[in-house]
Amino acid sequence: MSHQRPRERYGLMVRAPALKVWDDVDTDLIIPGKYLVLTDPKELAKHVFENVYPEFREKASRGVVLVAGKNFGCGSSREHAPIALKHSGVLAVVAESFARIFYRNAINIGLPAVECRGVSRVVEDGDTVLLDVEAGVFRNLSRSITLMFKPLPLVLRDILRSGGLVPYLRRRLKVG
């Protein structure tokens, strides 16, 4: 193994350990409703998965790619869930499928979210993975497995490169 640091983010490519969750993870599991009064992303991040995966915060804190099953982010349309994930150390989310509103909320706050069929069957916690959003490639480097996915449309990649929808619009509109 190379001496390269395992947690890196360069452009729309991420190399990091994987943390794996299950199918039908709803936004209430990601961030319990009682914390929706919080506005500080770092405070929200302290409570990610606290009722169902208490060790998540510590595992994610140095940077991870979250790998999920089907229907990730279902439930309410709150943007607190992707904000909390992003600030907990999640560099990207790769799932079999996403709830539509969670997916757009993630992209809008600058958290890469990629749908990749079969990903939950080829990854275990701690595997080192490489996600190339531009090329549409997901690699499990620990198991020498490569999956392809449809690359995100250019406008979504531009939003991610800008750090989210607000910075993207500021740049496009040349505001502040």
Foldseek 3Di string as FASTA:
>chain_A
DDPDDQFDDDQQKTKHFEAEDEEPAELCQQFNPVCPVDDDLLVSLCRGNCPNCVCVLVLQQQAHEYEYEYAPHDDDLDLSRLSSSVNSRHQEYEYCYYDVSNCQSNLQQQHHYYHFHPPNVPHHGGFIWMDRLQQQWIARPNVGDITGGDHDPPVSSLQNSLRHNVSSVCVVVVND
